[in-house]
Amino acid sequence: MTEAGAEEFAEFGAAALDAFQALFEQTEHLDHRTNDEDARELISDLLVDLMHYTERRGIEFNDIAAQAQAYYDTERDNSNAFAIGSTVQLEGPAADEAVLLGQPTRGSVTGVFVSHQGQTEYYVHFLGQTTNQPVLAADLEPAPPFPATTTTQGAVNDPLKAEQLLVETATRIAMADIHGRQPSPDDLQDHRILLDRLTTWNNMPERDVTDLLLSRLAKSVNAAEPNNLEQAAPPQPAENLTPAQLAAQAFPVPLTDGITDARKPPTPRPASSPQTPPGLTR
């Protein structure tokens, strides 16, 4: 299917609609291939049934719709279209402002919103941030891929996974320090490698990278179970998840306009102000 073009993809959709229509005798008179009103009626009915199905399965329909919109734009060869999970970077004045503020300019797409006017806005996770930032498509361009990185906890080839794994690793190092234990040599090695990769990929000074991650680390240490941490094995990394799946699980994507009327931005996570723990810097 990857070699198919827009016409082939459209025919796949028509065939799916043929099969759906065949389920209902009362729709035999409809001809979605030649009549626009018939097409709208059948497509609407199919979407409603898919909404019911995703609800029964416990799957978020709007997340799927947002991802589908992004892939659709990509398949139309839209130069400003980015799939969920892809790496992007700010350009132009938006990039200049981020650099001036000491903020990262590279991130991962976690959601997409298309307005009624057809304007595309992407939600991007930037290093250390707990909420996804809305960015106009015109302010984004593709970023270099995150370098494949081998750790003792598995391979990492995505900045979202690298950041998550670094915070988890730094949390175990910090907890060991708090309780007067020697950190695991594997954790120290992974920490060094992951911090170096994130520093290089974000093209930022290491100190700025550690500062951006301190709030996430502090929250993670605050939530740790000291009594269980000594016995617990390092958590399994999410190397089997695609960037899009990780984005959907860890960073909720926004709703897609056109499926529902209300635009619901990601829910901000409450900020915490715990004591700054050790373990993130070398």
C-alpha atoms as a PDB file:
ATOM      1  CA  MET A   1       0.000   0.000   0.000  1.00  0.00           C
ATOM      2  CA  THR A   2       2.959   2.307   0.526  1.00  0.00           C
ATOM      3  CA  GLU A   3       3.448   2.601  -3.249  1.00  0.00           C
ATOM      4  CA  ALA A   4      -0.186   3.486  -3.923  1.00  0.00           C
ATOM      5  CA  GLY A   5      -1.152   7.044  -4.858  1.00  0.00           C
ATOM      6  CA  ALA A   6      -4.071   9.289  -4.003  1.00  0.00           C
ATOM      7  CA  GLU A   7      -6.382   7.636  -6.550  1.00  0.00           C
ATOM      8  CA  GLU A   8      -5.663   4.164  -5.190  1.00  0.00           C
ATOM      9  CA  PHE A   9      -6.203   5.336  -1.625  1.00  0.00           C
ATOM     10  CA  ALA A  10      -9.518   6.909  -2.621  1.00  0.00           C
ATOM     11  CA  GLU A  11     -10.609   3.633  -4.225  1.00  0.00           C
ATOM     12  CA  PHE A  12      -9.729   1.763  -1.037  1.00  0.00           C
ATOM     13  CA  GLY A  13     -12.063   4.132   0.809  1.00  0.00           C
ATOM     14  CA  ALA A  14     -14.815   3.624  -1.778  1.00  0.00           C
ATOM     15  CA  ALA A  15     -14.484  -0.148  -1.490  1.00  0.00           C
ATOM     16  CA  ALA A  16     -14.784   0.088   2.294  1.00  0.00           C
ATOM     17  CA  LEU A  17     -17.934   2.165   1.842  1.00  0.00           C
ATOM     18  CA  ASP A  18     -19.298  -0.438  -0.613  1.00  0.00           C
ATOM     19  CA  ALA A  19     -18.840  -3.151   2.008  1.00  0.00           C
ATOM     20  CA  PHE A  20     -20.459  -1.003   4.700  1.00  0.00           C
ATOM     21  CA  GLN A  21     -23.448  -0.201   2.479  1.00  0.00           C
ATOM     22  CA  ALA A  22     -23.942  -3.892   1.688  1.00  0.00           C
ATOM     23  CA  LEU A  23     -24.702  -4.522   5.363  1.00  0.00           C
ATOM     24  CA  PHE A  24     -28.016  -2.655   5.140  1.00  0.00           C
ATOM     25  CA  GLU A  25     -30.853  -3.493   2.758  1.00  0.00           C
ATOM     26  CA  GLN A  26     -32.456  -0.065   3.174  1.00  0.00           C
ATOM     27  CA  THR A  27     -29.391   1.612   1.640  1.00  0.00           C
ATOM     28  CA  GLU A  28     -29.492  -0.305  -1.647  1.00  0.00           C
ATOM     29  CA  HIS A  29     -30.869   2.739  -3.457  1.00  0.00           C
ATOM     30  CA  LEU A  30     -27.889   4.894  -2.450  1.00  0.00           C
ATOM     31  CA  ASP A  31     -25.065   5.446  -4.941  1.00  0.00           C
ATOM     32  CA  HIS A  32     -22.167   7.070  -3.124  1.00  0.00           C
ATOM     33  CA  ARG A  33     -19.903   6.870  -6.182  1.00  0.00           C
ATOM     34  CA  THR A  34     -21.991   9.309  -8.231  1.00  0.00           C
ATOM     35  CA  ASN A  35     -24.246  11.123  -5.755  1.00  0.00           C
ATOM     36  CA  ASP A  36     -22.651  13.520  -3.254  1.00  0.00           C
ATOM     37  CA  GLU A  37     -25.599  13.472  -0.849  1.00  0.00           C
ATOM     38  CA  ASP A  38     -25.578   9.660  -0.786  1.00  0.00           C
ATOM     39  CA  ALA A  39     -21.830   9.711  -0.149  1.00  0.00           C
ATOM     40  CA  ARG A  40     -22.206  12.147   2.762  1.00  0.00           C
ATOM     41  CA  GLU A  41     -24.981  10.054   4.307  1.00  0.00           C
ATOM     42  CA  LEU A  42     -23.048   6.788   4.137  1.00  0.00           C
ATOM     43  CA  ILE A  43     -19.753   8.300   5.312  1.00  0.00           C
ATOM     44  CA  SER A  44     -21.523   9.930   8.250  1.00  0.00           C
ATOM     45  CA  ASP A  45     -23.210   6.653   9.222  1.00  0.00           C
ATOM     46  CA  LEU A  46     -19.909   4.792   8.998  1.00  0.00           C
ATOM     47  CA  LEU A  47     -18.149   7.354  11.184  1.00  0.00           C
ATOM     48  CA  VAL A  48     -20.889   7.131  13.803  1.00  0.00           C
ATOM     49  CA  ASP A  49     -20.523   3.346  13.915  1.00  0.00           C
ATOM     50  CA  LEU A  50     -16.755   3.681  14.213  1.00  0.00           C
ATOM     51  CA  MET A  51     -17.243   6.069  17.134  1.00  0.00           C
ATOM     52  CA  HIS A  52     -19.389   3.472  18.874  1.00  0.00           C
ATOM     53  CA  TYR A  53     -16.795   0.800  18.146  1.00  0.00           C
ATOM     54  CA  THR A  54     -13.879   2.809  19.523  1.00  0.00           C
ATOM     55  CA  GLU A  55     -15.892   3.661  22.631  1.00  0.00           C
ATOM     56  CA  ARG A  56     -16.597  -0.026  23.229  1.00  0.00           C
ATOM     57  CA  ARG A  57     -12.897  -0.816  22.762  1.00  0.00           C
ATOM     58  CA  GLY A  58     -11.809   2.026  25.030  1.00  0.00           C
ATOM     59  CA  ILE A  59      -9.938   3.745  22.173  1.00  0.00           C
ATOM     60  CA  GLU A  60      -9.989   7.532  21.740  1.00  0.00           C
ATOM     61  CA  PHE A  61     -11.598   8.195  18.362  1.00  0.00           C
ATOM     62  CA  ASN A  62     -10.442  11.792  18.159  1.00  0.00           C
ATOM     63  CA  ASP A  63      -6.796  10.807  18.631  1.00  0.00           C
ATOM     64  CA  ILE A  64      -7.138   8.422  15.693  1.00  0.00           C
ATOM     65  CA  ALA A  65      -8.837  11.107  13.627  1.00  0.00           C
ATOM     66  CA  ALA A  66      -6.017  13.566  14.372  1.00  0.00           C
ATOM     67  CA  GLN A  67      -3.403  11.037  13.348  1.00  0.00           C
ATOM     68  CA  ALA A  68      -5.348  10.204  10.197  1.00  0.00           C
ATOM     69  CA  GLN A  69      -5.511  13.899   9.280  1.00  0.00           C
ATOM     70  CA  ALA A  70      -1.739  14.170   9.605  1.00  0.00           C
ATOM     71  CA  TYR A  71      -1.127  11.104   7.451  1.00  0.00           C
ATOM     72  CA  TYR A  72      -3.646  12.351   4.894  1.00  0.00           C
ATOM     73  CA  ASP A  73      -1.804  15.654   4.570  1.00  0.00           C
ATOM     74  CA  THR A  74       1.480  13.779   4.219  1.00  0.00           C
ATOM     75  CA  GLU A  75       0.104  11.534   1.462  1.00  0.00           C
ATOM     76  CA  ARG A  76      -1.074  14.619  -0.426  1.00  0.00           C
ATOM     77  CA  ASP A  77       2.578  15.743  -0.519  1.00  0.00           C
ATOM     78  CA  ASN A  78       1.829  18.791   1.571  1.00  0.00           C
ATOM     79  CA  SER A  79       5.232  20.317   2.323  1.00  0.00           C
ATOM     80  CA  ASN A  80       3.943  21.591   5.667  1.00  0.00           C
ATOM     81  CA  ALA A  81       2.410  18.278   6.727  1.00  0.00           C
ATOM     82  CA  PHE A  82       3.936  16.211   9.524  1.00  0.00           C
ATOM     83  CA  ALA A  83       2.856  12.811  10.787  1.00  0.00           C
ATOM     84  CA  ILE A  84       2.307  12.293  14.502  1.00  0.00           C
ATOM     85  CA  GLY A  85       5.579  11.115  15.995  1.00  0.00           C
ATOM     86  CA  SER A  86       7.764  12.878  13.430  1.00  0.00           C
ATOM     87  CA  THR A  87      10.580  15.197  14.500  1.00  0.00           C
ATOM     88  CA  VAL A  88      10.242  18.891  13.655  1.00  0.00           C
ATOM     89  CA  GLN A  89      11.978  22.149  14.406  1.00  0.00           C
ATOM     90  CA  LEU A  90      10.914  25.750  14.613  1.00  0.00           C
ATOM     91  CA  GLU A  91      11.965  28.082  11.835  1.00  0.00           C
ATOM     92  CA  GLY A  92      11.925  31.812  11.223  1.00  0.00           C
ATOM     93  CA  PRO A  93      10.882  34.252  13.974  1.00  0.00           C
ATOM     94  CA  ALA A  94       9.467  31.411  16.108  1.00  0.00           C
ATOM     95  CA  ALA A  95      12.899  29.758  16.209  1.00  0.00           C
ATOM     96  CA  ASP A  96      14.645  33.072  16.948  1.00  0.00           C
ATOM     97  CA  GLU A  97      12.319  33.735  19.887  1.00  0.00           C
ATOM     98  CA  ALA A  98      12.871  30.245  21.339  1.00  0.00           C
ATOM     99  CA  VAL A  99      16.657  30.620  21.127  1.00  0.00           C
ATOM    100  CA  LEU A 100      16.454  34.050  22.772  1.00  0.00           C
ATOM    101  CA  LEU A 101      14.488  32.542  25.675  1.00  0.00           C
ATOM    102  CA  GLY A 102      16.822  29.559  25.995  1.00  0.00           C
ATOM    103  CA  GLN A 103      14.086  27.162  24.925  1.00  0.00           C
ATOM    104  CA  PRO A 104      14.472  24.130  22.636  1.00  0.00           C
ATOM    105  CA  THR A 105      13.619  24.518  18.971  1.00  0.00           C
ATOM    106  CA  ARG A 106      13.275  20.815  18.153  1.00  0.00           C
ATOM    107  CA  GLY A 107      10.522  18.442  19.217  1.00  0.00           C
ATOM    108  CA  SER A 108       8.092  15.686  18.280  1.00  0.00           C
ATOM    109  CA  VAL A 109       4.621  16.081  16.793  1.00  0.00           C
ATOM    110  CA  THR A 110       1.989  14.720  19.176  1.00  0.00           C
ATOM    111  CA  GLY A 111      -1.221  16.038  17.647  1.00  0.00           C
ATOM    112  CA  VAL A 112      -2.806  18.038  14.854  1.00  0.00           C
ATOM    113  CA  PHE A 113      -5.723  20.453  14.661  1.00  0.00           C
ATOM    114  CA  VAL A 114      -7.326  21.586  11.400  1.00  0.00           C
ATOM    115  CA  SER A 115      -9.687  24.538  11.635  1.00  0.00           C
ATOM    116  CA  HIS A 116     -12.836  25.037   9.582  1.00  0.00           C
ATOM    117  CA  GLN A 117     -10.813  27.522   7.546  1.00  0.00           C
ATOM    118  CA  GLY A 118      -8.289  24.808   6.698  1.00  0.00           C
ATOM    119  CA  GLN A 119      -5.449  26.205   8.814  1.00  0.00           C
ATOM    120  CA  THR A 120      -3.276  23.447  10.260  1.00  0.00           C
ATOM    121  CA  GLU A 121      -1.831  23.720  13.739  1.00  0.00           C
ATOM    122  CA  TYR A 122       0.424  21.069  15.221  1.00  0.00           C
ATOM    123  CA  TYR A 123       0.921  20.199  18.847  1.00  0.00           C
ATOM    124  CA  VAL A 124       4.605  19.644  19.556  1.00  0.00           C
ATOM    125  CA  HIS A 125       6.361  18.251  22.605  1.00  0.00           C
ATOM    126  CA  PHE A 126       9.574  20.117  23.307  1.00  0.00           C
ATOM    127  CA  LEU A 127      12.205  18.889  25.744  1.00  0.00           C
ATOM    128  CA  GLY A 128      11.164  19.111  29.387  1.00  0.00           C
ATOM    129  CA  GLN A 129       7.709  20.531  28.790  1.00  0.00           C
ATOM    130  CA  THR A 130       4.679  18.935  30.417  1.00  0.00           C
ATOM    131  CA  THR A 131       2.146  20.310  27.948  1.00  0.00           C
ATOM    132  CA  ASN A 132       2.190  20.188  24.178  1.00  0.00           C
ATOM    133  CA  GLN A 133       2.727  23.508  22.449  1.00  0.00           C
ATOM    134  CA  PRO A 134       0.465  24.572  19.537  1.00  0.00           C
ATOM    135  CA  VAL A 135       2.569  25.661  16.565  1.00  0.00           C
ATOM    136  CA  LEU A 136       1.380  26.813  13.154  1.00  0.00           C
ATOM    137  CA  ALA A 137       2.504  24.632  10.266  1.00  0.00           C
ATOM    138  CA  ALA A 138       4.184  27.666   8.689  1.00  0.00           C
ATOM    139  CA  ASP A 139       6.541  27.898  11.693  1.00  0.00           C
ATOM    140  CA  LEU A 140       7.755  24.290  11.406  1.00  0.00           C
ATOM    141  CA  GLU A 141      10.123  22.350   9.201  1.00  0.00           C
ATOM    142  CA  PRO A 142      11.466  18.766   9.356  1.00  0.00           C
ATOM    143  CA  ALA A 143      14.200  18.192  11.930  1.00  0.00           C
ATOM    144  CA  PRO A 144      17.105  15.755  11.646  1.00  0.00           C
ATOM    145  CA  PRO A 145      16.175  12.291  12.940  1.00  0.00           C
ATOM    146  CA  PHE A 146      17.138  11.444  16.490  1.00  0.00           C
ATOM    147  CA  PRO A 147      20.313   9.316  16.398  1.00  0.00           C
ATOM    148  CA  ALA A 148      19.890   5.614  17.146  1.00  0.00           C
ATOM    149  CA  THR A 149      21.125   5.107  20.703  1.00  0.00           C
ATOM    150  CA  THR A 150      21.964   1.842  22.447  1.00  0.00           C
ATOM    151  CA  THR A 151      21.376   1.678  26.208  1.00  0.00           C
ATOM    152  CA  THR A 152      21.375  -1.151  28.728  1.00  0.00           C
ATOM    153  CA  GLN A 153      17.584  -0.843  28.727  1.00  0.00           C
ATOM    154  CA  GLY A 154      17.171  -1.212  24.979  1.00  0.00           C
ATOM    155  CA  ALA A 155      17.582   0.752  21.782  1.00  0.00           C
ATOM    156  CA  VAL A 156      16.229   4.298  21.550  1.00  0.00           C
ATOM    157  CA  ASN A 157      15.668   6.148  18.283  1.00  0.00           C
ATOM    158  CA  ASP A 158      13.139   8.790  19.269  1.00  0.00           C
ATOM    159  CA  PRO A 159      13.549  11.924  21.452  1.00  0.00           C
ATOM    160  CA  LEU A 160      10.321  11.248  23.363  1.00  0.00           C
ATOM    161  CA  LYS A 161      11.596   7.833  24.424  1.00  0.00           C
ATOM    162  CA  ALA A 162      15.065   9.178  25.173  1.00  0.00           C
ATOM    163  CA  GLU A 163      13.671  11.905  27.430  1.00  0.00           C
ATOM    164  CA  GLN A 164      11.377   9.503  29.254  1.00  0.00           C
ATOM    165  CA  LEU A 165      14.175   6.986  29.753  1.00  0.00           C
ATOM    166  CA  LEU A 166      16.598   9.672  30.947  1.00  0.00           C
ATOM    167  CA  VAL A 167      14.141  10.912  33.575  1.00  0.00           C
ATOM    168  CA  GLU A 168      13.510   7.354  34.803  1.00  0.00           C
ATOM    169  CA  THR A 169      17.244   6.638  34.946  1.00  0.00           C
ATOM    170  CA  ALA A 170      18.061   9.923  36.678  1.00  0.00           C
ATOM    171  CA  THR A 171      15.305   9.217  39.207  1.00  0.00           C
ATOM    172  CA  ARG A 172      16.929   5.926  40.218  1.00  0.00           C
ATOM    173  CA  ILE A 173      20.326   7.646  40.494  1.00  0.00           C
ATOM    174  CA  ALA A 174      18.814  10.400  42.641  1.00  0.00           C
ATOM    175  CA  MET A 175      17.036   7.921  44.915  1.00  0.00           C
ATOM    176  CA  ALA A 176      20.245   5.953  45.384  1.00  0.00           C
ATOM    177  CA  ASP A 177      22.021   9.167  46.366  1.00  0.00           C
ATOM    178  CA  ILE A 178      19.250  10.151  48.767  1.00  0.00           C
ATOM    179  CA  HIS A 179      19.474   6.770  50.516  1.00  0.00           C
ATOM    180  CA  GLY A 180      23.257   6.670  50.599  1.00  0.00           C
ATOM    181  CA  ARG A 181      23.640   3.877  48.031  1.00  0.00           C
ATOM    182  CA  GLN A 182      25.887   3.587  45.013  1.00  0.00           C
ATOM    183  CA  PRO A 183      23.943   4.082  41.787  1.00  0.00           C
ATOM    184  CA  SER A 184      23.845   1.208  39.341  1.00  0.00           C
ATOM    185  CA  PRO A 185      26.756   1.303  36.856  1.00  0.00           C
ATOM    186  CA  ASP A 186      24.214   0.626  34.089  1.00  0.00           C
ATOM    187  CA  ASP A 187      22.169   3.638  35.159  1.00  0.00           C
ATOM    188  CA  LEU A 188      25.252   5.853  35.225  1.00  0.00           C
ATOM    189  CA  GLN A 189      26.217   4.676  31.750  1.00  0.00           C
ATOM    190  CA  ASP A 190      22.708   5.135  30.334  1.00  0.00           C
ATOM    191  CA  HIS A 191      22.439   8.553  31.961  1.00  0.00           C
ATOM    192  CA  ARG A 192      25.652   9.731  30.329  1.00  0.00           C
ATOM    193  CA  ILE A 193      24.710   8.398  26.899  1.00  0.00           C
ATOM    194  CA  LEU A 194      21.122   9.683  26.906  1.00  0.00           C
ATOM    195  CA  LEU A 195      22.062  13.128  28.194  1.00  0.00           C
ATOM    196  CA  ASP A 196      24.753  13.419  25.539  1.00  0.00           C
ATOM    197  CA  ARG A 197      22.350  12.388  22.748  1.00  0.00           C
ATOM    198  CA  LEU A 198      19.601  14.771  23.857  1.00  0.00           C
ATOM    199  CA  THR A 199      22.102  17.612  24.241  1.00  0.00           C
ATOM    200  CA  THR A 200      23.528  17.017  20.773  1.00  0.00           C
ATOM    201  CA  TRP A 201      20.180  16.535  19.033  1.00  0.00           C
ATOM    202  CA  ASN A 202      18.617  19.627  20.613  1.00  0.00           C
ATOM    203  CA  ASN A 203      21.767  21.625  19.808  1.00  0.00           C
ATOM    204  CA  MET A 204      21.747  23.143  23.285  1.00  0.00           C
ATOM    205  CA  PRO A 205      24.301  23.438  26.094  1.00  0.00           C
ATOM    206  CA  GLU A 206      24.157  20.516  28.496  1.00  0.00           C
ATOM    207  CA  ARG A 207      23.371  22.814  31.410  1.00  0.00           C
ATOM    208  CA  ASP A 208      20.296  24.145  29.623  1.00  0.00           C
ATOM    209  CA  VAL A 209      19.103  20.605  28.902  1.00  0.00           C
ATOM    210  CA  THR A 210      19.459  19.528  32.534  1.00  0.00           C
ATOM    211  CA  ASP A 211      17.682  22.691  33.708  1.00  0.00           C
ATOM    212  CA  LEU A 212      14.751  21.935  31.386  1.00  0.00           C
ATOM    213  CA  LEU A 213      14.423  18.415  32.787  1.00  0.00           C
ATOM    214  CA  LEU A 214      14.761  19.280  36.479  1.00  0.00           C
ATOM    215  CA  SER A 215      11.046  19.830  37.048  1.00  0.00           C
ATOM    216  CA  ARG A 216      10.188  16.465  35.493  1.00  0.00           C
ATOM    217  CA  LEU A 217      12.897  14.782  37.554  1.00  0.00           C
ATOM    218  CA  ALA A 218      11.740  16.434  40.763  1.00  0.00           C
ATOM    219  CA  LYS A 219       8.173  15.279  40.141  1.00  0.00           C
ATOM    220  CA  SER A 220       9.380  11.763  39.360  1.00  0.00           C
ATOM    221  CA  VAL A 221      11.490  11.558  42.539  1.00  0.00           C
ATOM    222  CA  ASN A 222       8.573  12.908  44.557  1.00  0.00           C
ATOM    223  CA  ALA A 223       6.336  10.124  43.259  1.00  0.00           C
ATOM    224  CA  ALA A 224       8.895   7.333  43.752  1.00  0.00           C
ATOM    225  CA  GLU A 225       8.245   4.605  46.321  1.00  0.00           C
ATOM    226  CA  PRO A 226      11.439   4.523  48.391  1.00  0.00           C
ATOM    227  CA  ASN A 227      10.548   1.210  50.044  1.00  0.00           C
ATOM    228  CA  ASN A 228      10.031  -0.544  46.737  1.00  0.00           C
ATOM    229  CA  LEU A 229      12.739   1.185  44.740  1.00  0.00           C
ATOM    230  CA  GLU A 230      15.590  -0.863  46.241  1.00  0.00           C
ATOM    231  CA  GLN A 231      14.016  -4.104  45.052  1.00  0.00           C
ATOM    232  CA  ALA A 232      12.520  -2.865  41.814  1.00  0.00           C
ATOM    233  CA  ALA A 233      14.130  -3.647  38.499  1.00  0.00           C
ATOM    234  CA  PRO A 234      14.550  -0.775  36.039  1.00  0.00           C
ATOM    235  CA  PRO A 235      11.257  -0.163  34.229  1.00  0.00           C
ATOM    236  CA  GLN A 236      10.989  -1.608  30.764  1.00  0.00           C
ATOM    237  CA  PRO A 237      11.559   1.002  28.051  1.00  0.00           C
ATOM    238  CA  ALA A 238       8.912   1.556  25.418  1.00  0.00           C
ATOM    239  CA  GLU A 239      11.094   0.465  22.512  1.00  0.00           C
ATOM    240  CA  ASN A 240       8.254  -1.582  21.052  1.00  0.00           C
ATOM    241  CA  LEU A 241       5.971   1.428  20.784  1.00  0.00           C
ATOM    242  CA  THR A 242       5.955   3.620  17.722  1.00  0.00           C
ATOM    243  CA  PRO A 243       6.546   7.354  18.256  1.00  0.00           C
ATOM    244  CA  ALA A 244       2.865   7.939  17.504  1.00  0.00           C
ATOM    245  CA  GLN A 245       1.775   5.391  20.132  1.00  0.00           C
ATOM    246  CA  LEU A 246       4.114   6.882  22.703  1.00  0.00           C
ATOM    247  CA  ALA A 247       2.826  10.339  21.937  1.00  0.00           C
ATOM    248  CA  ALA A 248      -0.759   9.172  22.351  1.00  0.00           C
ATOM    249  CA  GLN A 249      -0.020   7.449  25.669  1.00  0.00           C
ATOM    250  CA  ALA A 250       2.286   9.943  27.335  1.00  0.00           C
ATOM    251  CA  PHE A 251       1.225  13.169  25.691  1.00  0.00           C
ATOM    252  CA  PRO A 252      -2.516  13.373  24.915  1.00  0.00           C
ATOM    253  CA  VAL A 253      -3.144  14.744  21.437  1.00  0.00           C
ATOM    254  CA  PRO A 254      -5.782  17.375  20.725  1.00  0.00           C
ATOM    255  CA  LEU A 255      -9.082  16.771  19.039  1.00  0.00           C
ATOM    256  CA  THR A 256      -9.565  17.174  15.327  1.00  0.00           C
ATOM    257  CA  ASP A 257     -11.984  19.796  14.131  1.00  0.00           C
ATOM    258  CA  GLY A 258     -14.643  18.533  11.760  1.00  0.00           C
ATOM    259  CA  ILE A 259     -15.347  15.409  13.845  1.00  0.00           C
ATOM    260  CA  THR A 260     -16.463  17.286  16.931  1.00  0.00           C
ATOM    261  CA  ASP A 261     -17.415  20.923  17.260  1.00  0.00           C
ATOM    262  CA  ALA A 262     -15.457  21.677  20.398  1.00  0.00           C
ATOM    263  CA  ARG A 263     -11.732  22.202  20.341  1.00  0.00           C
ATOM    264  CA  LYS A 264     -10.181  20.795  23.480  1.00  0.00           C
ATOM    265  CA  PRO A 265      -6.513  21.632  24.091  1.00  0.00           C
ATOM    266  CA  PRO A 266      -4.376  19.221  26.110  1.00  0.00           C
ATOM    267  CA  THR A 267      -5.114  19.242  29.824  1.00  0.00           C
ATOM    268  CA  PRO A 268      -2.333  21.075  31.671  1.00  0.00           C
ATOM    269  CA  ARG A 269      -0.634  19.007  34.311  1.00  0.00           C
ATOM    270  CA  PRO A 270      -0.363  20.577  37.754  1.00  0.00           C
ATOM    271  CA  ALA A 271       3.030  22.072  38.460  1.00  0.00           C
ATOM    272  CA  SER A 272       4.896  20.895  41.507  1.00  0.00           C
ATOM    273  CA  SER A 273       7.618  22.601  43.488  1.00  0.00           C
ATOM    274  CA  PRO A 274       9.481  19.825  45.292  1.00  0.00           C
ATOM    275  CA  GLN A 275      13.067  20.120  46.422  1.00  0.00           C
ATOM    276  CA  THR A 276      15.494  19.858  43.506  1.00  0.00           C
ATOM    277  CA  PRO A 277      16.934  16.325  43.638  1.00  0.00           C
ATOM    278  CA  PRO A 278      20.419  15.286  42.561  1.00  0.00           C
ATOM    279  CA  GLY A 279      21.118  12.896  39.719  1.00  0.00           C
ATOM    280  CA  LEU A 280      20.533  14.766  36.477  1.00  0.00           C
ATOM    281  CA  THR A 281      23.887  16.447  36.024  1.00  0.00           C
ATOM    282  CA  ARG A 282      27.051  14.443  35.438  1.00  0.00           C
END
